[in-house]
């Protein structure tokens, strides 16, 4: 084999590009997706409702006003993607 088994991630920002987070995230989770990317912490709150044990990364980074939302809903900054992969929930 030329490659090892891998995993897939999904970008579900902007309401899953207009397709509906409430429909898309559960379907992707059922298919085995465990990592999601959103643009804003508020989008991550909605995604978290459908993916309780997934890694959720915020693409726009961490801002002073977003830290509490990110911690409360176990979101991570995509700016630190390589350093937080597999870290415990709640790490921002």
N, C-alpha and C. Protein backbone atom coordinates (compact mmCIF):
# COMPACT_ATOMS: atom_id res chain seq x y z
N UNK A 1 0.85 -1.18 0.00
CA UNK A 1 0.00 0.00 0.00
C UNK A 1 0.89 1.24 0.00
N UNK A 2 0.48 2.23 -0.75
CA UNK A 2 1.25 3.45 -0.84
C UNK A 2 0.92 4.45 0.25
N UNK A 3 -0.18 4.25 0.95
CA UNK A 3 -0.54 5.19 2.02
C UNK A 3 -1.05 4.43 3.23
N UNK A 4 -0.97 5.11 4.35
CA UNK A 4 -1.49 4.53 5.58
C UNK A 4 -2.94 4.96 5.76
N UNK A 5 -3.68 4.28 6.60
CA UNK A 5 -5.05 4.74 6.88
C UNK A 5 -5.00 6.17 7.43
N UNK A 6 -5.97 6.95 7.07
CA UNK A 6 -6.02 8.33 7.52
C UNK A 6 -7.40 8.71 8.00
N UNK A 7 -7.55 9.97 8.31
CA UNK A 7 -8.85 10.48 8.74
C UNK A 7 -9.22 11.68 7.90
N UNK A 8 -10.50 11.97 7.86
CA UNK A 8 -10.99 13.12 7.12
C UNK A 8 -11.57 14.14 8.09
N UNK A 9 -11.47 15.39 7.72
CA UNK A 9 -12.06 16.48 8.49
C UNK A 9 -13.07 17.19 7.60
N UNK A 10 -13.98 17.93 8.23
CA UNK A 10 -14.98 18.66 7.45
C UNK A 10 -15.02 20.11 7.87
N UNK A 11 -15.06 21.00 6.89
CA UNK A 11 -15.25 22.42 7.14
C UNK A 11 -16.75 22.68 7.02
N UNK A 12 -17.36 23.12 8.12
CA UNK A 12 -18.81 23.32 8.16
C UNK A 12 -19.17 24.76 8.50
N UNK A 13 -18.28 25.69 8.15
CA UNK A 13 -18.55 27.10 8.41
C UNK A 13 -19.69 27.59 7.52
N UNK A 14 -20.23 28.74 7.87
CA UNK A 14 -21.33 29.35 7.10
C UNK A 14 -22.50 28.39 6.95
N UNK A 15 -22.90 27.80 8.09
CA UNK A 15 -24.03 26.86 8.11
C UNK A 15 -23.80 25.72 7.13
N UNK A 16 -22.60 25.16 7.19
CA UNK A 16 -22.19 24.07 6.30
C UNK A 16 -22.38 24.49 4.85
N UNK A 17 -21.88 25.70 4.57
CA UNK A 17 -21.96 26.27 3.22
C UNK A 17 -23.39 26.29 2.68
N UNK A 18 -24.32 26.61 3.60
CA UNK A 18 -25.72 26.75 3.22
C UNK A 18 -26.50 25.46 3.20
N UNK A 19 -25.86 24.34 3.49
CA UNK A 19 -26.55 23.05 3.46
C UNK A 19 -27.23 22.71 4.79
N UNK A 20 -26.84 23.41 5.86
CA UNK A 20 -27.45 23.20 7.17
C UNK A 20 -26.60 22.36 8.10
N UNK A 21 -26.02 23.01 9.10
CA UNK A 21 -25.19 22.30 10.09
C UNK A 21 -26.00 21.22 10.80
N UNK A 22 -27.28 21.53 11.09
CA UNK A 22 -28.12 20.57 11.81
C UNK A 22 -28.34 19.28 11.03
N UNK A 23 -28.13 19.31 9.74
CA UNK A 23 -28.29 18.13 8.89
C UNK A 23 -26.94 17.52 8.53
N UNK A 24 -25.96 18.36 8.23
CA UNK A 24 -24.68 17.89 7.70
C UNK A 24 -23.78 17.29 8.79
N UNK A 25 -23.64 17.97 9.93
CA UNK A 25 -22.74 17.47 10.98
C UNK A 25 -23.17 16.09 11.48
N UNK A 26 -24.46 15.85 11.78
CA UNK A 26 -24.82 14.48 12.20
C UNK A 26 -24.54 13.43 11.11
N UNK A 27 -24.77 13.78 9.85
CA UNK A 27 -24.52 12.82 8.77
C UNK A 27 -23.03 12.51 8.66
N UNK A 28 -22.19 13.54 8.75
CA UNK A 28 -20.75 13.30 8.68
C UNK A 28 -20.25 12.54 9.90
N UNK A 29 -20.81 12.85 11.08
CA UNK A 29 -20.45 12.12 12.29
C UNK A 29 -20.81 10.65 12.19
N UNK A 30 -21.98 10.37 11.64
CA UNK A 30 -22.40 8.98 11.45
C UNK A 30 -21.47 8.25 10.48
N UNK A 31 -20.91 9.00 9.54
CA UNK A 31 -19.98 8.41 8.57
C UNK A 31 -18.56 8.29 9.11
N UNK A 32 -18.33 8.79 10.33
CA UNK A 32 -17.02 8.62 10.97
C UNK A 32 -16.19 9.87 11.10
N UNK A 33 -16.67 11.01 10.65
CA UNK A 33 -15.90 12.25 10.78
C UNK A 33 -15.86 12.67 12.24
N UNK A 34 -14.66 12.95 12.75
CA UNK A 34 -14.49 13.32 14.15
C UNK A 34 -13.77 14.66 14.31
N UNK A 35 -13.53 15.37 13.22
CA UNK A 35 -12.87 16.67 13.28
C UNK A 35 -13.63 17.63 12.36
N UNK A 36 -14.02 18.78 12.95
CA UNK A 36 -14.78 19.78 12.21
C UNK A 36 -14.10 21.13 12.36
N UNK A 37 -14.20 21.94 11.32
CA UNK A 37 -13.69 23.30 11.32
C UNK A 37 -14.85 24.26 11.10
N UNK A 38 -14.88 25.32 11.91
CA UNK A 38 -15.87 26.38 11.78
C UNK A 38 -15.13 27.71 11.70
N UNK A 39 -15.80 28.76 11.26
CA UNK A 39 -15.15 30.07 11.18
C UNK A 39 -15.18 30.78 12.52
N UNK A 40 -16.27 30.68 13.23
CA UNK A 40 -16.48 31.45 14.47
C UNK A 40 -16.85 30.53 15.63
N UNK A 41 -16.52 30.94 16.86
CA UNK A 41 -16.90 30.13 18.02
C UNK A 41 -18.41 29.88 18.09
N UNK A 42 -19.20 30.86 17.69
CA UNK A 42 -20.65 30.70 17.72
C UNK A 42 -21.11 29.56 16.80
N UNK A 43 -20.43 29.38 15.68
CA UNK A 43 -20.73 28.26 14.79
C UNK A 43 -20.34 26.94 15.45
N UNK A 44 -19.26 26.98 16.22
CA UNK A 44 -18.81 25.78 16.92
C UNK A 44 -19.79 25.32 17.98
N UNK A 45 -20.50 26.27 18.59
CA UNK A 45 -21.52 25.92 19.59
C UNK A 45 -22.60 25.06 18.93
N UNK A 46 -23.02 25.44 17.74
CA UNK A 46 -24.05 24.70 17.02
C UNK A 46 -23.52 23.33 16.58
N UNK A 47 -22.31 23.30 16.07
CA UNK A 47 -21.71 22.03 15.64
C UNK A 47 -21.54 21.08 16.83
N UNK A 48 -21.17 21.62 18.00
CA UNK A 48 -20.95 20.81 19.19
C UNK A 48 -22.22 20.08 19.60
N UNK A 49 -23.39 20.66 19.38
CA UNK A 49 -24.65 20.01 19.73
C UNK A 49 -24.82 18.68 19.00
N UNK A 50 -24.22 18.57 17.83
CA UNK A 50 -24.37 17.38 17.01
C UNK A 50 -23.12 16.50 17.00
N UNK A 51 -22.04 16.99 17.60
CA UNK A 51 -20.77 16.25 17.58
C UNK A 51 -20.10 16.41 18.95
N UNK A 52 -20.67 15.78 19.94
CA UNK A 52 -20.22 15.99 21.33
C UNK A 52 -18.78 15.57 21.57
N UNK A 53 -18.29 14.57 20.88
CA UNK A 53 -16.96 14.07 21.16
C UNK A 53 -15.95 14.38 20.06
N UNK A 54 -16.34 15.23 19.13
CA UNK A 54 -15.46 15.58 18.01
C UNK A 54 -14.48 16.68 18.41
N UNK A 55 -13.41 16.80 17.65
CA UNK A 55 -12.51 17.95 17.76
C UNK A 55 -13.11 19.03 16.88
N UNK A 56 -13.31 20.23 17.45
CA UNK A 56 -13.84 21.36 16.69
C UNK A 56 -12.83 22.49 16.76
N UNK A 57 -12.40 22.93 15.59
CA UNK A 57 -11.40 23.98 15.47
C UNK A 57 -12.02 25.24 14.89
N UNK A 58 -11.63 26.39 15.44
CA UNK A 58 -12.12 27.69 14.99
C UNK A 58 -11.06 28.30 14.06
N UNK A 59 -11.43 28.52 12.81
CA UNK A 59 -10.49 29.02 11.81
C UNK A 59 -10.08 30.48 12.04
N UNK A 60 -10.96 31.29 12.58
CA UNK A 60 -10.65 32.71 12.77
C UNK A 60 -9.76 32.98 13.97
N UNK A 61 -9.33 31.97 14.66
CA UNK A 61 -8.43 32.16 15.79
C UNK A 61 -9.13 32.58 17.05
N UNK A 62 -8.35 32.92 18.05
CA UNK A 62 -8.87 33.26 19.37
C UNK A 62 -8.83 34.77 19.57
N UNK A 63 -9.95 35.31 19.99
CA UNK A 63 -10.04 36.73 20.32
C UNK A 63 -10.50 36.83 21.77
N UNK A 64 -10.21 37.94 22.41
CA UNK A 64 -10.53 38.11 23.84
C UNK A 64 -11.97 37.74 24.15
N UNK A 65 -12.90 38.15 23.31
CA UNK A 65 -14.31 37.88 23.56
C UNK A 65 -14.73 36.45 23.28
N UNK A 66 -13.90 35.67 22.62
CA UNK A 66 -14.29 34.32 22.24
C UNK A 66 -13.73 33.23 23.15
N UNK A 67 -12.83 33.58 24.03
CA UNK A 67 -12.17 32.56 24.86
C UNK A 67 -13.17 31.80 25.72
N UNK A 68 -14.09 32.50 26.37
CA UNK A 68 -15.03 31.80 27.26
C UNK A 68 -15.96 30.88 26.47
N UNK A 69 -16.40 31.30 25.28
CA UNK A 69 -17.25 30.45 24.45
C UNK A 69 -16.48 29.20 24.03
N UNK A 70 -15.23 29.39 23.61
CA UNK A 70 -14.43 28.26 23.15
C UNK A 70 -14.17 27.27 24.27
N UNK A 71 -13.90 27.76 25.45
CA UNK A 71 -13.66 26.84 26.58
C UNK A 71 -14.92 26.10 26.97
N UNK A 72 -16.03 26.83 27.05
CA UNK A 72 -17.29 26.22 27.48
C UNK A 72 -17.74 25.11 26.53
N UNK A 73 -17.44 25.26 25.25
CA UNK A 73 -17.90 24.29 24.26
C UNK A 73 -16.76 23.46 23.67
N UNK A 74 -15.64 23.40 24.38
CA UNK A 74 -14.50 22.53 24.02
C UNK A 74 -14.06 22.72 22.58
N UNK A 75 -13.81 23.99 22.20
CA UNK A 75 -13.33 24.30 20.86
C UNK A 75 -11.85 24.64 20.93
N UNK A 76 -11.18 24.48 19.81
CA UNK A 76 -9.74 24.72 19.74
C UNK A 76 -9.44 25.71 18.63
N UNK A 77 -8.35 26.41 18.77
CA UNK A 77 -7.93 27.34 17.73
C UNK A 77 -7.20 26.58 16.63
N UNK A 78 -7.55 26.85 15.39
CA UNK A 78 -6.88 26.18 14.28
C UNK A 78 -5.45 26.67 14.13
N UNK A 79 -5.13 27.80 14.73
CA UNK A 79 -3.76 28.32 14.65
C UNK A 79 -2.78 27.41 15.37
N UNK A 80 -3.29 26.63 16.30
CA UNK A 80 -2.44 25.71 17.06
C UNK A 80 -2.77 24.26 16.71
N UNK A 81 -3.27 24.03 15.51
CA UNK A 81 -3.74 22.70 15.09
C UNK A 81 -2.72 21.60 15.37
N UNK A 82 -1.49 21.82 15.01
CA UNK A 82 -0.50 20.75 15.16
C UNK A 82 -0.12 20.49 16.61
N UNK A 83 -0.35 21.45 17.49
CA UNK A 83 0.05 21.25 18.88
C UNK A 83 -1.08 20.75 19.76
N UNK A 84 -2.33 20.88 19.34
CA UNK A 84 -3.42 20.44 20.20
C UNK A 84 -4.12 19.18 19.70
N UNK A 85 -3.68 18.65 18.60
CA UNK A 85 -4.30 17.43 18.06
C UNK A 85 -4.31 16.35 19.12
N UNK A 86 -5.50 15.90 19.46
CA UNK A 86 -5.64 14.83 20.43
C UNK A 86 -5.59 15.30 21.88
N UNK A 87 -5.58 16.60 22.11
CA UNK A 87 -5.57 17.09 23.48
C UNK A 87 -6.93 16.93 24.09
N UNK A 88 -7.03 17.13 25.37
CA UNK A 88 -8.29 16.93 26.07
C UNK A 88 -9.28 18.04 25.74
N UNK A 89 -10.61 17.71 25.79
CA UNK A 89 -11.62 18.73 25.54
C UNK A 89 -11.48 19.88 26.53
N UNK A 90 -11.78 21.06 26.06
CA UNK A 90 -11.67 22.24 26.90
C UNK A 90 -10.41 23.03 26.64
N UNK A 91 -9.44 22.45 25.95
CA UNK A 91 -8.21 23.17 25.64
C UNK A 91 -8.48 24.11 24.48
N UNK A 92 -8.20 25.36 24.68
CA UNK A 92 -8.45 26.33 23.60
C UNK A 92 -7.14 26.69 22.94
